[in-house]
C-alpha atoms as a PDB file:
ATOM      1  CA  MET A   1       0.255  -0.203  -0.076  1.00  0.00           C
ATOM      2  CA  ALA A   2       1.271   3.428  -0.591  1.00  0.00           C
ATOM      3  CA  GLN A   3       0.744   6.132   1.880  1.00  0.00           C
ATOM      4  CA  ILE A   4      -0.405   9.849   0.801  1.00  0.00           C
ATOM      5  CA  GLU A   5      -0.384  13.355   2.524  1.00  0.00           C
ATOM      6  CA  ILE A   6      -3.479  15.522   1.759  1.00  0.00           C
ATOM      7  CA  ILE A   7      -4.101  19.078   2.816  1.00  0.00           C
ATOM      8  CA  LEU A   8      -7.846  19.790   3.823  1.00  0.00           C
ATOM      9  CA  PRO A   9      -9.766  22.915   4.551  1.00  0.00           C
ATOM     10  CA  ASP A  10     -10.386  22.660   8.771  1.00  0.00           C
ATOM     11  CA  ASP A  11     -14.010  22.360   7.674  1.00  0.00           C
ATOM     12  CA  LYS A  12     -13.862  19.357   5.594  1.00  0.00           C
ATOM     13  CA  LEU A  13     -11.651  17.793   7.792  1.00  0.00           C
ATOM     14  CA  GLU A  14     -14.234  18.491  10.920  1.00  0.00           C
ATOM     15  CA  LEU A  15     -16.721  16.603   8.714  1.00  0.00           C
ATOM     16  CA  ILE A  16     -14.643  13.900   8.106  1.00  0.00           C
ATOM     17  CA  GLU A  17     -13.768  13.421  11.969  1.00  0.00           C
ATOM     18  CA  ARG A  18     -17.482  13.667  12.851  1.00  0.00           C
ATOM     19  CA  GLU A  19     -18.412  10.993  10.236  1.00  0.00           C
ATOM     20  CA  ARG A  20     -15.310   8.964  11.839  1.00  0.00           C
ATOM     21  CA  GLU A  21     -16.434   8.907  14.886  1.00  0.00           C
ATOM     22  CA  SER A  22     -19.724   7.975  14.135  1.00  0.00           C
ATOM     23  CA  THR A  23     -18.603   4.555  12.180  1.00  0.00           C
ATOM     24  CA  GLY A  24     -15.524   4.246  14.432  1.00  0.00           C
ATOM     25  CA  GLU A  25     -13.206   3.836  10.976  1.00  0.00           C
ATOM     26  CA  THR A  26      -9.707   5.139  11.236  1.00  0.00           C
ATOM     27  CA  GLN A  27      -8.790   8.228   8.409  1.00  0.00           C
ATOM     28  CA  SER A  28      -7.510   5.413   6.325  1.00  0.00           C
ATOM     29  CA  GLU A  29     -10.778   3.026   6.765  1.00  0.00           C
ATOM     30  CA  PHE A  30     -12.531   6.209   5.758  1.00  0.00           C
ATOM     31  CA  PHE A  31     -10.835   7.648   2.779  1.00  0.00           C
ATOM     32  CA  ILE A  32     -10.494   3.673   1.253  1.00  0.00           C
ATOM     33  CA  ARG A  33     -14.518   3.653   1.698  1.00  0.00           C
ATOM     34  CA  LEU A  34     -15.348   7.051   0.451  1.00  0.00           C
ATOM     35  CA  LEU A  35     -13.043   5.779  -2.957  1.00  0.00           C
ATOM     36  CA  ASN A  36     -14.572   2.628  -3.155  1.00  0.00           C
ATOM     37  CA  ALA A  37     -17.755   4.276  -3.629  1.00  0.00           C
ATOM     38  CA  PHE A  38     -16.513   6.766  -5.877  1.00  0.00           C
ATOM     39  CA  ALA A  39     -15.046   3.769  -8.089  1.00  0.00           C
ATOM     40  CA  LYS A  40     -18.370   1.785  -7.922  1.00  0.00           C
ATOM     41  CA  ARG A  41     -19.883   5.128  -9.248  1.00  0.00           C
ATOM     42  CA  GLN A  42     -17.775   5.611 -11.953  1.00  0.00           C
ATOM     43  CA  GLU A  43     -17.753   1.930 -12.604  1.00  0.00           C
ATOM     44  CA  GLU A  44     -21.649   2.197 -12.798  1.00  0.00           C
ATOM     45  CA  ALA A  45     -21.908   5.324 -15.042  1.00  0.00           C
ATOM     46  CA  GLU A  46     -19.293   3.789 -17.534  1.00  0.00           C
ATOM     47  CA  ASP A  47     -21.621   0.748 -17.570  1.00  0.00           C
ATOM     48  CA  ARG A  48     -24.509   3.264 -18.205  1.00  0.00           C
ATOM     49  CA  ASP A  49     -22.738   5.011 -21.281  1.00  0.00           C
ATOM     50  CA  ARG A  50     -21.940   1.559 -22.269  1.00  0.00           C
ATOM     51  CA  TYR A  51     -25.457   0.551 -22.535  1.00  0.00           C
ATOM     52  CA  ASN A  52     -26.570   4.055 -23.906  1.00  0.00           C
ATOM     53  CA  GLN A  53     -24.128   3.525 -26.723  1.00  0.00           C
ATOM     54  CA  GLY A  54     -25.146   0.231 -27.596  1.00  0.00           C
ATOM     55  CA  HIS A  55     -28.918   0.931 -27.314  1.00  0.00           C
ATOM     56  CA  GLU A  56     -28.289   4.059 -29.700  1.00  0.00           C
ATOM     57  CA  GLN A  57     -26.319   1.618 -32.154  1.00  0.00           C
ATOM     58  CA  ARG A  58     -28.890  -0.631 -32.615  1.00  0.00           C
ATOM     59  CA  PRO A  59     -32.301   0.478 -31.285  1.00  0.00           C
ATOM     60  CA  GLU A  60     -35.152  -2.124 -30.513  1.00  0.00           C
ATOM     61  CA  THR A  61     -37.081  -3.505 -33.569  1.00  0.00           C
ATOM     62  CA  GLU A  62     -40.682  -2.669 -33.678  1.00  0.00           C
ATOM     63  CA  GLU A  63     -41.132  -6.404 -33.766  1.00  0.00           C
ATOM     64  CA  GLU A  64     -39.043  -6.333 -30.397  1.00  0.00           C
ATOM     65  CA  ILE A  65     -41.353  -3.777 -29.058  1.00  0.00           C
ATOM     66  CA  ALA A  66     -44.593  -6.105 -29.887  1.00  0.00           C
ATOM     67  CA  LEU A  67     -42.987  -8.783 -28.186  1.00  0.00           C
ATOM     68  CA  SER A  68     -42.166  -7.318 -25.121  1.00  0.00           C
ATOM     69  CA  ILE A  69     -45.469  -5.288 -24.896  1.00  0.00           C
ATOM     70  CA  ALA A  70     -47.132  -9.110 -25.688  1.00  0.00           C
ATOM     71  CA  LEU A  71     -45.228 -10.839 -22.884  1.00  0.00           C
ATOM     72  CA  ALA A  72     -45.899  -8.028 -20.380  1.00  0.00           C
ATOM     73  CA  LEU A  73     -49.677  -8.122 -21.144  1.00  0.00           C
ATOM     74  CA  HIS A  74     -49.576 -11.887 -20.772  1.00  0.00           C
ATOM     75  CA  GLY A  75     -47.491 -12.132 -17.584  1.00  0.00           C
ATOM     76  CA  PHE A  76     -50.490 -10.031 -16.474  1.00  0.00           C
ATOM     77  CA  GLU A  77     -53.572 -12.015 -17.348  1.00  0.00           C
ATOM     78  CA  VAL A  78     -51.988 -15.329 -15.918  1.00  0.00           C
ATOM     79  CA  SER A  79     -50.455 -13.881 -12.686  1.00  0.00           C
ATOM     80  CA  PRO A  80     -53.526 -14.225  -9.715  1.00  0.00           C
ATOM     81  CA  TRP A  81     -53.702 -10.333  -9.174  1.00  0.00           C
ATOM     82  CA  ASP A  82     -56.701 -10.920  -6.848  1.00  0.00           C
ATOM     83  CA  GLU A  83     -55.478 -13.459  -4.656  1.00  0.00           C
END
């Protein structure tokens, strides 16, 4: 593992310390959790971008849309909603 030093404004450090007190984390654990959450959001954004690109390059056909609607309607017909 690498060790780094960062300079933070006092108000941000106070915010971090309050959060750390409530979770019992060390500063390292706090920042690792923060970075993991950031990396997950980045990965999810990249996944959405890839999905959107794929959808733009190959949108659903009329037949696919009709099949989706038919399957959804069939699901409603066979499901016991009243029970």
